[in-house]
Every structure is written in C-alpha cells, then in structure tokens.
Amino acid sequence: MAQPRLRLVVTADDFGYCPRRDEGIVEAFLAGAVTSVSLLVNGTAAESAAELARRHHIPTGLHANLSEGRPVGPARPGASSLLSPEGFFLGKMGFREAVAAGDVSLPQVREELEAQLNRFRLLLGTDPTHVDGHQHVHVLPGVCQVFAEALQAHGVQFTRMPLERGVGSCPWLEAPARAFACAVERDAEAAVGPFSCHGLSPCH
C-alpha cells in the first residue's frame, strides 16, 4: 500500500526585519534551503522585503506581530491594551503576561491582526500563503481563537503549530529557554482544536 506523500515546507520567519537579514533569507531561498518566508509587515524593511519576494517569486505568508515594534493599525498609547505608554508592543514576555492576567482586549487583537492582513495585501498584492505569529503569539489562550476566526474569514488555510517534541528537555537549553519552550508547546497543543474547528491545517 502506497504511503501518503508529505511535503516539507521550510519557512524563514522575520522577513522584513532588516535588509541584512532579508538578504540572507533570499540567498537561502535561491539555494533551495528555504521554501517560503513569513513577512513582518511592521518591520523596518517590510517594503523592500516585499519587493524581494515579488522579484524572486517567493511564497510569502504573514508573520503576525503583537509583541515587538509598533502597531500597523490605529492602536494608540493609553487607549490600547496592546501598547506600552511609549507606543510600542509589550514585548515577548510582556504580552504573554498581559494575556495571562486578562489585561489584553481580544477585539483589539482582532483589529491589529486585520490591519496587518490588509497591509500584507497592500505590499504583496495577494493573500498570504499562511499566517503564523511572531514569537508564537498566535497560540496563546484566547488569542488563538481570534486568529482562527480571522484567518478563516480571510480564506487562510494554513498556520504553524510550534509542537517541537523534546525541546523543553534539551540539556543545552538554559532554564529560561526551556521554560519558554515548554509553555509554547502547551499553548500550541491547546490551540490545535480552535484552529482545526475553523478549517485551518496546523503545520508543525
């Protein structure tokens, strides 16, 4: 009996973060080591990265960002639960802590996600091949439901589930990194259900 065929997708995240990083990602794509990229539409080099993706016909998804830099949408300091008083996102751990404390407005998450999806279309002229979260924010409790609903509404079919079995027990990882890896895996396991219920295919 023939075995089902598997397709290996190797995605380079943080496309659009900075020109030097983008050059390396494009080199890896042209060499065949990378098969797709995920674009940070609020990155400092988002526009030039989008041009590179178009020029080299790179399959491109959205690397939705709720933790680093400034928002794309209308969120404003003092009026948005996503931002610090200085107008920046709350950071990798700051956002997680705010979500855990119930201090993040999920409608504001949806608003920013919609803004980033629209920005992606403006830059690329097409829909994203997939959507995942910068620093795995898309699998956080509550946030994953918002992502699942929004991606289904926009016809996105694929997202990433960061289920990296055994990473949390790797002896070469320092304790904080192990704790983070274990937390991400727990969140990802719980997020499989909401994404699957909304018709998305979770990829590892």
N, C-alpha and C. Protein backbone atom coordinates (compact mmCIF):
# COMPACT_ATOMS: atom_id res chain seq x y z
N MET A 1 0.84 -1.20 0.00
CA MET A 1 0.00 0.00 0.00
C MET A 1 0.88 1.25 0.00
N ALA A 2 0.59 2.16 -0.90
CA ALA A 2 1.42 3.37 -1.02
C ALA A 2 1.25 4.26 0.20
N GLN A 3 2.36 4.78 0.66
CA GLN A 3 2.34 5.69 1.79
C GLN A 3 1.93 7.09 1.33
N PRO A 4 1.20 7.86 2.17
CA PRO A 4 0.84 9.23 1.78
C PRO A 4 2.08 10.09 1.60
N ARG A 5 2.04 10.95 0.61
CA ARG A 5 3.17 11.83 0.35
C ARG A 5 3.15 13.01 1.30
N LEU A 6 4.32 13.37 1.78
CA LEU A 6 4.47 14.52 2.66
C LEU A 6 5.23 15.62 1.94
N ARG A 7 4.84 16.85 2.20
CA ARG A 7 5.54 17.99 1.62
C ARG A 7 6.28 18.73 2.72
N LEU A 8 7.58 18.86 2.57
CA LEU A 8 8.39 19.56 3.54
C LEU A 8 8.42 21.05 3.21
N VAL A 9 7.97 21.87 4.15
CA VAL A 9 7.98 23.32 3.99
C VAL A 9 8.96 23.89 5.01
N VAL A 10 9.96 24.61 4.53
CA VAL A 10 10.95 25.25 5.40
C VAL A 10 10.74 26.76 5.29
N THR A 11 10.21 27.35 6.34
CA THR A 11 9.85 28.77 6.31
C THR A 11 10.84 29.60 7.10
N ALA A 12 11.29 30.68 6.51
CA ALA A 12 12.15 31.65 7.19
C ALA A 12 11.28 32.78 7.74
N ASP A 13 11.25 32.90 9.05
CA ASP A 13 10.48 33.97 9.69
C ASP A 13 11.24 35.29 9.68
N ASP A 14 10.53 36.33 10.12
CA ASP A 14 11.13 37.66 10.34
C ASP A 14 11.60 38.32 9.05
N PHE A 15 11.04 37.91 7.91
CA PHE A 15 11.35 38.59 6.66
C PHE A 15 10.81 40.02 6.76
N GLY A 16 11.67 40.99 6.47
CA GLY A 16 11.30 42.39 6.64
C GLY A 16 11.82 43.02 7.91
N TYR A 17 12.53 42.23 8.71
CA TYR A 17 13.07 42.75 9.97
C TYR A 17 14.17 43.78 9.71
N CYS A 18 15.10 43.43 8.81
CA CYS A 18 16.16 44.35 8.42
C CYS A 18 16.76 43.87 7.10
N PRO A 19 17.35 44.77 6.30
CA PRO A 19 17.86 44.38 4.98
C PRO A 19 18.89 43.27 5.01
N ARG A 20 19.79 43.28 5.99
CA ARG A 20 20.84 42.26 6.01
C ARG A 20 20.24 40.87 6.25
N ARG A 21 19.30 40.78 7.16
CA ARG A 21 18.65 39.50 7.41
C ARG A 21 17.89 39.05 6.15
N ASP A 22 17.24 39.99 5.50
CA ASP A 22 16.47 39.64 4.30
C ASP A 22 17.37 39.12 3.19
N GLU A 23 18.55 39.70 3.05
CA GLU A 23 19.49 39.21 2.03
C GLU A 23 19.85 37.76 2.28
N GLY A 24 20.10 37.43 3.54
CA GLY A 24 20.44 36.04 3.87
C GLY A 24 19.29 35.09 3.60
N ILE A 25 18.07 35.53 3.90
CA ILE A 25 16.90 34.69 3.65
C ILE A 25 16.72 34.44 2.15
N VAL A 26 16.91 35.48 1.35
CA VAL A 26 16.76 35.31 -0.10
C VAL A 26 17.84 34.38 -0.63
N GLU A 27 19.06 34.52 -0.13
CA GLU A 27 20.14 33.61 -0.55
C GLU A 27 19.77 32.16 -0.22
N ALA A 28 19.20 31.95 0.96
CA ALA A 28 18.81 30.59 1.35
C ALA A 28 17.68 30.06 0.46
N PHE A 29 16.75 30.94 0.09
CA PHE A 29 15.67 30.52 -0.81
C PHE A 29 16.22 30.14 -2.18
N LEU A 30 17.08 30.98 -2.74
CA LEU A 30 17.64 30.70 -4.06
C LEU A 30 18.50 29.45 -4.07
N ALA A 31 19.08 29.12 -2.91
CA ALA A 31 19.89 27.91 -2.81
C ALA A 31 19.05 26.66 -2.56
N GLY A 32 17.75 26.85 -2.32
CA GLY A 32 16.87 25.72 -2.09
C GLY A 32 16.77 25.27 -0.65
N ALA A 33 17.40 25.99 0.27
CA ALA A 33 17.36 25.61 1.68
C ALA A 33 16.08 26.08 2.36
N VAL A 34 15.44 27.11 1.80
CA VAL A 34 14.20 27.67 2.34
C VAL A 34 13.15 27.62 1.23
N THR A 35 11.91 27.29 1.58
CA THR A 35 10.86 27.18 0.56
C THR A 35 9.82 28.30 0.65
N SER A 36 9.77 29.01 1.77
CA SER A 36 8.83 30.12 1.91
C SER A 36 9.32 31.06 3.00
N VAL A 37 8.66 32.22 3.09
CA VAL A 37 9.03 33.20 4.11
C VAL A 37 7.76 33.70 4.80
N SER A 38 7.96 34.27 5.99
CA SER A 38 6.87 34.91 6.72
C SER A 38 7.26 36.38 6.94
N LEU A 39 6.43 37.29 6.45
CA LEU A 39 6.75 38.71 6.42
C LEU A 39 6.23 39.45 7.65
N LEU A 40 7.11 40.20 8.29
CA LEU A 40 6.74 41.14 9.35
C LEU A 40 6.32 42.45 8.68
N VAL A 41 5.03 42.71 8.60
CA VAL A 41 4.60 43.90 7.87
C VAL A 41 4.87 45.18 8.64
N ASN A 42 5.20 45.09 9.93
CA ASN A 42 5.60 46.27 10.68
C ASN A 42 7.11 46.36 10.84
N GLY A 43 7.84 45.51 10.11
CA GLY A 43 9.30 45.55 10.16
C GLY A 43 9.84 46.77 9.45
N THR A 44 11.05 47.17 9.82
CA THR A 44 11.65 48.37 9.24
C THR A 44 11.94 48.20 7.75
N ALA A 45 12.08 46.95 7.30
CA ALA A 45 12.39 46.68 5.88
C ALA A 45 11.24 45.95 5.18
N ALA A 46 10.02 46.14 5.66
CA ALA A 46 8.89 45.40 5.10
C ALA A 46 8.70 45.68 3.61
N GLU A 47 8.82 46.93 3.21
CA GLU A 47 8.58 47.28 1.81
C GLU A 47 9.63 46.67 0.88
N SER A 48 10.89 46.78 1.26
CA SER A 48 11.94 46.21 0.41
C SER A 48 11.89 44.69 0.42
N ALA A 49 11.49 44.10 1.55
CA ALA A 49 11.34 42.65 1.61
C ALA A 49 10.22 42.18 0.68
N ALA A 50 9.13 42.92 0.66
CA ALA A 50 8.02 42.57 -0.23
C ALA A 50 8.46 42.63 -1.69
N GLU A 51 9.28 43.61 -2.02
CA GLU A 51 9.80 43.71 -3.39
C GLU A 51 10.68 42.51 -3.72
N LEU A 52 11.51 42.07 -2.77
CA LEU A 52 12.35 40.89 -2.99
C LEU A 52 11.48 39.65 -3.20
N ALA A 53 10.42 39.54 -2.42
CA ALA A 53 9.53 38.37 -2.55
C ALA A 53 8.89 38.35 -3.93
N ARG A 54 8.46 39.51 -4.40
CA ARG A 54 7.85 39.57 -5.73
C ARG A 54 8.88 39.25 -6.82
N ARG A 55 10.05 39.83 -6.67
CA ARG A 55 11.09 39.66 -7.71
C ARG A 55 11.50 38.20 -7.86
N HIS A 56 11.63 37.49 -6.72
CA HIS A 56 12.13 36.11 -6.75
C HIS A 56 11.00 35.07 -6.64
N HIS A 57 9.75 35.54 -6.68
CA HIS A 57 8.59 34.64 -6.64
C HIS A 57 8.65 33.72 -5.41
N ILE A 58 8.87 34.33 -4.27
CA ILE A 58 8.97 33.57 -3.02
C ILE A 58 7.57 33.43 -2.40
N PRO A 59 7.12 32.22 -2.12
CA PRO A 59 5.85 32.05 -1.41
C PRO A 59 5.93 32.75 -0.04
N THR A 60 4.97 33.63 0.22
CA THR A 60 5.08 34.51 1.39
C THR A 60 3.82 34.47 2.23
N GLY A 61 4.02 34.30 3.52
CA GLY A 61 2.93 34.37 4.48
C GLY A 61 3.11 35.57 5.39
N LEU A 62 2.15 35.77 6.26
CA LEU A 62 2.19 36.87 7.23
C LEU A 62 2.73 36.36 8.56
N HIS A 63 3.74 37.04 9.08
CA HIS A 63 4.27 36.76 10.42
C HIS A 63 3.64 37.80 11.35
N ALA A 64 2.41 37.51 11.79
CA ALA A 64 1.64 38.49 12.56
C ALA A 64 2.37 38.83 13.86
N ASN A 65 2.50 40.12 14.11
CA ASN A 65 3.34 40.59 15.21
C ASN A 65 2.50 41.39 16.20
N LEU A 66 2.43 40.90 17.43
CA LEU A 66 1.75 41.61 18.51
C LEU A 66 2.67 41.87 19.69
N SER A 67 3.95 41.62 19.50
CA SER A 67 4.86 41.68 20.64
C SER A 67 6.07 42.59 20.47
N GLU A 68 6.37 43.01 19.27
CA GLU A 68 7.61 43.76 19.05
C GLU A 68 7.38 44.90 18.05
N GLY A 69 7.94 46.07 18.36
CA GLY A 69 7.82 47.21 17.46
C GLY A 69 6.53 47.98 17.67
N ARG A 70 6.11 48.67 16.62
CA ARG A 70 4.90 49.50 16.66
C ARG A 70 3.76 48.85 15.88
N PRO A 71 2.53 49.19 16.20
CA PRO A 71 1.39 48.58 15.51
C PRO A 71 1.23 49.12 14.10
N VAL A 72 0.49 48.36 13.30
CA VAL A 72 0.11 48.80 11.96
C VAL A 72 -1.24 49.50 12.00
N GLY A 73 -2.12 49.02 12.87
CA GLY A 73 -3.47 49.55 12.97
C GLY A 73 -3.56 50.84 13.76
N PRO A 74 -4.77 51.24 14.13
CA PRO A 74 -4.99 52.54 14.77
C PRO A 74 -4.74 52.57 16.28
N ALA A 75 -4.18 51.49 16.84
CA ALA A 75 -3.93 51.45 18.28
C ALA A 75 -3.08 52.64 18.72
N ARG A 76 -3.45 53.22 19.86
CA ARG A 76 -2.73 54.38 20.38
C ARG A 76 -2.38 54.18 21.85
N PRO A 77 -1.22 54.68 22.30
CA PRO A 77 -0.84 54.57 23.71
C PRO A 77 -1.93 55.15 24.60
N GLY A 78 -2.22 54.45 25.67
CA GLY A 78 -3.23 54.90 26.61
C GLY A 78 -4.62 54.45 26.26
N ALA A 79 -4.82 54.06 24.99
CA ALA A 79 -6.14 53.61 24.54
C ALA A 79 -6.14 52.16 24.11
N SER A 80 -4.97 51.54 24.06
CA SER A 80 -4.86 50.16 23.60
C SER A 80 -4.16 49.30 24.64
N SER A 81 -4.74 48.13 24.89
CA SER A 81 -4.14 47.18 25.84
C SER A 81 -2.90 46.51 25.26
N LEU A 82 -2.65 46.71 23.96
CA LEU A 82 -1.51 46.06 23.30
C LEU A 82 -0.22 46.86 23.43
N LEU A 83 -0.31 48.11 23.88
CA LEU A 83 0.83 49.02 23.80
C LEU A 83 1.31 49.51 25.15
N SER A 84 2.62 49.81 25.19
CA SER A 84 3.21 50.49 26.34
C SER A 84 2.89 51.97 26.25
N PRO A 85 3.16 52.74 27.31
CA PRO A 85 2.94 54.19 27.24
C PRO A 85 3.75 54.86 26.13
N GLU A 86 4.84 54.21 25.70
CA GLU A 86 5.69 54.78 24.65
C GLU A 86 5.18 54.44 23.25
N GLY A 87 4.14 53.63 23.16
CA GLY A 87 3.56 53.32 21.85
C GLY A 87 4.10 52.07 21.20
N PHE A 88 4.86 51.27 21.94
CA PHE A 88 5.39 50.01 21.40
C PHE A 88 4.58 48.83 21.95
N PHE A 89 4.63 47.70 21.22
CA PHE A 89 4.07 46.47 21.76
C PHE A 89 4.79 46.12 23.06
N LEU A 90 4.21 45.21 23.83
CA LEU A 90 4.64 44.97 25.20
C LEU A 90 5.85 44.05 25.33
N GLY A 91 6.30 43.47 24.24
CA GLY A 91 7.46 42.58 24.29
C GLY A 91 7.04 41.12 24.38
N LYS A 92 8.00 40.26 24.13
CA LYS A 92 7.75 38.82 24.08
C LYS A 92 7.11 38.29 25.36
N MET A 93 7.67 38.63 26.50
CA MET A 93 7.13 38.15 27.76
C MET A 93 6.05 39.09 28.29
N GLY A 94 6.19 40.38 28.01
CA GLY A 94 5.20 41.33 28.49
C GLY A 94 3.82 41.06 27.92
N PHE A 95 3.75 40.72 26.64
CA PHE A 95 2.46 40.40 26.03
C PHE A 95 1.88 39.13 26.64
N ARG A 96 2.72 38.14 26.84
CA ARG A 96 2.25 36.89 27.45
C ARG A 96 1.72 37.13 28.86
N GLU A 97 2.42 37.93 29.62
CA GLU A 97 1.98 38.22 30.98
C GLU A 97 0.66 38.98 30.98
N ALA A 98 0.51 39.90 30.04
CA ALA A 98 -0.74 40.67 29.95
C ALA A 98 -1.90 39.77 29.55
N VAL A 99 -1.66 38.83 28.63
CA VAL A 99 -2.71 37.88 28.24
C VAL A 99 -3.11 37.02 29.43
N ALA A 100 -2.11 36.50 30.15
CA ALA A 100 -2.38 35.63 31.30
C ALA A 100 -3.15 36.36 32.39
N ALA A 101 -2.90 37.66 32.53
CA ALA A 101 -3.58 38.45 33.56
C ALA A 101 -4.96 38.92 33.11
N GLY A 102 -5.33 38.66 31.86
CA GLY A 102 -6.61 39.11 31.36
C GLY A 102 -6.64 40.59 31.00
N ASP A 103 -5.46 41.17 30.79
CA ASP A 103 -5.37 42.61 30.53
C ASP A 103 -5.38 42.96 29.05
N VAL A 104 -5.42 41.96 28.17
CA VAL A 104 -5.40 42.22 26.73
C VAL A 104 -6.82 42.14 26.18
N SER A 105 -7.21 43.18 25.45
CA SER A 105 -8.51 43.21 24.80
C SER A 105 -8.46 42.39 23.52
N LEU A 106 -9.23 41.31 23.46
CA LEU A 106 -9.22 40.47 22.26
C LEU A 106 -9.78 41.18 21.03
N PRO A 107 -10.79 42.06 21.17
CA PRO A 107 -11.19 42.84 19.99
C PRO A 107 -10.07 43.72 19.45
N GLN A 108 -9.19 44.21 20.32
CA GLN A 108 -8.05 44.99 19.85
C GLN A 108 -7.03 44.10 19.15
N VAL A 109 -6.90 42.85 19.61
CA VAL A 109 -6.06 41.89 18.90
C VAL A 109 -6.60 41.69 17.49
N ARG A 110 -7.90 41.50 17.36
CA ARG A 110 -8.52 41.28 16.05
C ARG A 110 -8.30 42.51 15.15
N GLU A 111 -8.45 43.70 15.71
CA GLU A 111 -8.27 44.93 14.94
C GLU A 111 -6.85 45.03 14.37
N GLU A 112 -5.86 44.72 15.21
CA GLU A 112 -4.48 44.80 14.75
C GLU A 112 -4.17 43.70 13.74
N LEU A 113 -4.69 42.51 13.97
CA LEU A 113 -4.48 41.42 13.02
C LEU A 113 -5.08 41.76 11.66
N GLU A 114 -6.28 42.32 11.66
CA GLU A 114 -6.91 42.72 10.40
C GLU A 114 -6.06 43.78 9.69
N ALA A 115 -5.53 44.72 10.46
CA ALA A 115 -4.69 45.78 9.87
C ALA A 115 -3.44 45.18 9.24
N GLN A 116 -2.85 44.18 9.88
CA GLN A 116 -1.65 43.56 9.33
C GLN A 116 -1.97 42.73 8.10
N LEU A 117 -3.11 42.06 8.08
CA LEU A 117 -3.53 41.34 6.88
C LEU A 117 -3.74 42.30 5.71
N ASN A 118 -4.35 43.44 5.99
CA ASN A 118 -4.57 44.44 4.93
C ASN A 118 -3.25 45.02 4.44
N ARG A 119 -2.33 45.26 5.36
CA ARG A 119 -1.01 45.78 5.00
C ARG A 119 -0.26 44.76 4.13
N PHE A 120 -0.41 43.49 4.46
CA PHE A 120 0.22 42.45 3.65
C PHE A 120 -0.27 42.52 2.21
N ARG A 121 -1.59 42.62 2.04
CA ARG A 121 -2.15 42.68 0.69
C ARG A 121 -1.69 43.92 -0.05
N LEU A 122 -1.55 45.01 0.66
CA LEU A 122 -1.08 46.24 0.04
C LEU A 122 0.36 46.08 -0.45
N LEU A 123 1.19 45.43 0.33
CA LEU A 123 2.61 45.27 -0.02
C LEU A 123 2.83 44.21 -1.10
N LEU A 124 2.07 43.10 -1.02
CA LEU A 124 2.32 41.97 -1.92
C LEU A 124 1.34 41.90 -3.08
N GLY A 125 0.18 42.51 -2.92
CA GLY A 125 -0.84 42.42 -3.95
C GLY A 125 -1.52 41.07 -4.02
N THR A 126 -1.41 40.29 -2.96
CA THR A 126 -2.00 38.96 -2.92
C THR A 126 -2.28 38.58 -1.48
N ASP A 127 -2.98 37.48 -1.28
CA ASP A 127 -3.23 36.98 0.07
C ASP A 127 -2.03 36.19 0.56
N PRO A 128 -1.84 36.10 1.87
CA PRO A 128 -0.72 35.31 2.40
C PRO A 128 -0.93 33.82 2.18
N THR A 129 0.15 33.10 1.92
CA THR A 129 0.07 31.64 1.78
C THR A 129 -0.23 30.97 3.11
N HIS A 130 0.12 31.65 4.20
CA HIS A 130 -0.10 31.13 5.55
C HIS A 130 0.00 32.31 6.50
N VAL A 131 -0.43 32.13 7.72
CA VAL A 131 -0.25 33.14 8.77
C VAL A 131 0.19 32.42 10.03
N ASP A 132 1.25 32.93 10.65
CA ASP A 132 1.64 32.46 11.97
C ASP A 132 1.98 33.67 12.83
N GLY A 133 2.42 33.45 14.05
CA GLY A 133 2.65 34.55 14.96
C GLY A 133 4.11 34.74 15.30
N HIS A 134 4.56 35.98 15.25
CA HIS A 134 5.90 36.31 15.72
C HIS A 134 6.01 35.94 17.19
N GLN A 135 7.05 35.18 17.53
CA GLN A 135 7.27 34.69 18.89
C GLN A 135 6.09 33.85 19.38
N HIS A 136 5.41 33.21 18.43
CA HIS A 136 4.34 32.25 18.70
C HIS A 136 3.14 32.85 19.43
N VAL A 137 2.87 34.13 19.24
CA VAL A 137 1.74 34.75 19.94
C VAL A 137 0.40 34.16 19.50
N HIS A 138 0.34 33.57 18.30
CA HIS A 138 -0.93 33.10 17.76
C HIS A 138 -1.48 31.87 18.47
N VAL A 139 -0.69 31.22 19.32
CA VAL A 139 -1.20 30.05 20.04
C VAL A 139 -1.55 30.35 21.49
N LEU A 140 -1.44 31.59 21.91
CA LEU A 140 -1.76 31.94 23.29
C LEU A 140 -3.25 31.78 23.56
N PRO A 141 -3.62 31.43 24.78
CA PRO A 141 -5.04 31.25 25.12
C PRO A 141 -5.85 32.50 24.79
N GLY A 142 -6.99 32.30 24.17
CA GLY A 142 -7.84 33.43 23.76
C GLY A 142 -7.39 34.04 22.46
N VAL A 143 -6.12 34.34 22.35
CA VAL A 143 -5.57 34.92 21.13
C VAL A 143 -5.72 33.95 19.97
N CYS A 144 -5.54 32.65 20.24
CA CYS A 144 -5.64 31.65 19.17
C CYS A 144 -7.05 31.62 18.58
N GLN A 145 -8.05 31.85 19.40
CA GLN A 145 -9.42 31.87 18.91
C GLN A 145 -9.63 33.05 17.97
N VAL A 146 -9.08 34.20 18.32
CA VAL A 146 -9.17 35.39 17.47
C VAL A 146 -8.49 35.11 16.14
N PHE A 147 -7.31 34.54 16.18
CA PHE A 147 -6.59 34.22 14.95
C PHE A 147 -7.38 33.24 14.10
N ALA A 148 -7.90 32.18 14.73
CA ALA A 148 -8.63 31.16 13.98
C ALA A 148 -9.83 31.77 13.25
N GLU A 149 -10.58 32.61 13.94
CA GLU A 149 -11.76 33.23 13.32
C GLU A 149 -11.37 34.17 12.18
N ALA A 150 -10.34 34.99 12.42
CA ALA A 150 -9.92 35.96 11.40
C ALA A 150 -9.35 35.26 10.18
N LEU A 151 -8.54 34.24 10.39
CA LEU A 151 -7.91 33.57 9.25
C LEU A 151 -8.96 32.82 8.43
N GLN A 152 -9.92 32.22 9.09
CA GLN A 152 -10.99 31.57 8.35
C GLN A 152 -11.76 32.59 7.51
N ALA A 153 -12.05 33.75 8.10
CA ALA A 153 -12.79 34.79 7.38
C ALA A 153 -12.03 35.29 6.17
N HIS A 154 -10.71 35.25 6.23
CA HIS A 154 -9.88 35.74 5.13
C HIS A 154 -9.43 34.63 4.18
N GLY A 155 -9.92 33.42 4.39
CA GLY A 155 -9.60 32.33 3.48
C GLY A 155 -8.21 31.74 3.64
N VAL A 156 -7.54 32.04 4.76
CA VAL A 156 -6.22 31.46 5.01
C VAL A 156 -6.41 30.02 5.48
N GLN A 157 -5.63 29.10 4.93
CA GLN A 157 -5.82 27.68 5.21
C GLN A 157 -4.75 27.06 6.09
N PHE A 158 -3.62 27.75 6.25
CA PHE A 158 -2.50 27.12 6.96
C PHE A 158 -1.95 28.04 8.04
N THR A 159 -1.61 27.43 9.16
CA THR A 159 -0.87 28.12 10.21
C THR A 159 0.13 27.13 10.80
N ARG A 160 1.02 27.61 11.62
CA ARG A 160 2.05 26.75 12.20
C ARG A 160 1.71 26.43 13.65
N MET A 161 1.87 25.16 14.01
CA MET A 161 1.75 24.75 15.39
C MET A 161 3.14 24.42 15.91
N PRO A 162 3.69 25.24 16.80
CA PRO A 162 5.06 25.00 17.29
C PRO A 162 5.12 23.86 18.30
N LEU A 163 4.85 22.65 17.81
CA LEU A 163 4.92 21.45 18.64
C LEU A 163 6.27 20.79 18.40
N GLU A 164 7.26 21.20 19.16
CA GLU A 164 8.62 20.72 18.98
C GLU A 164 8.93 19.76 20.12
N ARG A 165 8.56 18.50 19.91
CA ARG A 165 8.65 17.49 20.97
C ARG A 165 10.08 17.35 21.48
N GLY A 166 10.22 17.41 22.77
CA GLY A 166 11.51 17.17 23.41
C GLY A 166 12.39 18.39 23.57
N VAL A 167 12.02 19.52 22.94
CA VAL A 167 12.87 20.70 23.03
C VAL A 167 12.99 21.18 24.48
N GLY A 168 11.90 21.06 25.22
CA GLY A 168 11.93 21.53 26.60
C GLY A 168 12.83 20.74 27.51
N SER A 169 13.26 19.56 27.07
CA SER A 169 14.15 18.75 27.91
C SER A 169 15.59 18.74 27.40
N CYS A 170 15.88 19.57 26.40
CA CYS A 170 17.24 19.61 25.86
C CYS A 170 18.21 20.17 26.91
N PRO A 171 19.28 19.44 27.23
CA PRO A 171 20.20 19.89 28.27
C PRO A 171 20.99 21.14 27.89
N TRP A 172 21.11 21.41 26.59
CA TRP A 172 21.89 22.57 26.17
C TRP A 172 21.09 23.86 26.24
N LEU A 173 19.79 23.77 26.52
CA LEU A 173 18.98 24.98 26.69
C LEU A 173 19.06 25.46 28.14
N GLU A 174 19.28 26.75 28.31
CA GLU A 174 19.26 27.30 29.66
C GLU A 174 17.84 27.27 30.20
N ALA A 175 17.72 27.30 31.52
CA ALA A 175 16.43 27.12 32.18
C ALA A 175 15.33 28.05 31.65
N PRO A 176 15.60 29.36 31.47
CA PRO A 176 14.52 30.23 30.95
C PRO A 176 14.05 29.82 29.56
N ALA A 177 14.98 29.41 28.71
CA ALA A 177 14.61 28.99 27.35
C ALA A 177 13.82 27.69 27.39
N ARG A 178 14.19 26.76 28.28
CA ARG A 178 13.43 25.52 28.42
C ARG A 178 12.01 25.81 28.89
N ALA A 179 11.88 26.70 29.87
CA ALA A 179 10.55 27.03 30.40
C ALA A 179 9.69 27.66 29.30
N PHE A 180 10.28 28.53 28.49
CA PHE A 180 9.53 29.16 27.41
C PHE A 180 9.10 28.12 26.38
N ALA A 181 10.01 27.22 26.01
CA ALA A 181 9.69 26.20 25.02
C ALA A 181 8.55 25.30 25.51
N CYS A 182 8.58 24.95 26.78
CA CYS A 182 7.52 24.10 27.34
C CYS A 182 6.18 24.84 27.35
N ALA A 183 6.21 26.13 27.68
CA ALA A 183 4.97 26.92 27.70
C ALA A 183 4.39 27.04 26.30
N VAL A 184 5.25 27.28 25.31
CA VAL A 184 4.79 27.38 23.93
C VAL A 184 4.16 26.07 23.47
N GLU A 185 4.79 24.96 23.81
CA GLU A 185 4.25 23.67 23.40
C GLU A 185 2.89 23.39 24.05
N ARG A 186 2.75 23.74 25.33
CA ARG A 186 1.45 23.55 25.99
C ARG A 186 0.38 24.40 25.31
N ASP A 187 0.72 25.65 25.01
CA ASP A 187 -0.24 26.53 24.34
C ASP A 187 -0.60 26.00 22.96
N ALA A 188 0.40 25.51 22.24
CA ALA A 188 0.17 25.00 20.89
C ALA A 188 -0.75 23.79 20.91
N GLU A 189 -0.55 22.90 21.86
CA GLU A 189 -1.41 21.72 21.97
C GLU A 189 -2.86 22.15 22.19
N ALA A 190 -3.07 23.15 23.03
CA ALA A 190 -4.43 23.61 23.31
C ALA A 190 -5.02 24.37 22.13
N ALA A 191 -4.17 24.95 21.28
CA ALA A 191 -4.65 25.77 20.16
C ALA A 191 -5.01 24.94 18.94
N VAL A 192 -4.59 23.68 18.89
CA VAL A 192 -4.89 22.84 17.73
C VAL A 192 -6.40 22.77 17.49
N GLY A 193 -7.16 22.60 18.56
CA GLY A 193 -8.61 22.48 18.45
C GLY A 193 -9.26 23.69 17.81
N PRO A 194 -9.06 24.90 18.34
CA PRO A 194 -9.68 26.08 17.73
C PRO A 194 -9.29 26.29 16.27
N PHE A 195 -8.04 26.08 15.93
CA PHE A 195 -7.64 26.25 14.53
C PHE A 195 -8.29 25.20 13.64
N SER A 196 -8.30 23.96 14.09
CA SER A 196 -8.89 22.89 13.29
C SER A 196 -10.39 23.11 13.10
N CYS A 197 -11.07 23.58 14.15
CA CYS A 197 -12.51 23.82 14.06
C CYS A 197 -12.85 24.91 13.05
N HIS A 198 -11.90 25.78 12.76
CA HIS A 198 -12.13 26.87 11.80
C HIS A 198 -11.51 26.56 10.44
N GLY A 199 -11.22 25.29 10.20
CA GLY A 199 -10.81 24.87 8.87
C GLY A 199 -9.36 25.10 8.53
N LEU A 200 -8.51 25.40 9.53
CA LEU A 200 -7.10 25.62 9.23
C LEU A 200 -6.33 24.33 9.44
N SER A 201 -5.35 24.13 8.59
CA SER A 201 -4.48 22.96 8.71
C SER A 201 -3.25 23.35 9.50
N PRO A 202 -3.13 22.86 10.74
CA PRO A 202 -1.96 23.19 11.52
C PRO A 202 -0.73 22.43 11.04
N CYS A 203 0.34 23.15 10.71
CA CYS A 203 1.59 22.53 10.26
C CYS A 203 2.61 22.62 11.39
N HIS A 204 3.42 21.59 11.53
CA HIS A 204 4.47 21.57 12.55
C HIS A 204 5.74 22.17 11.98
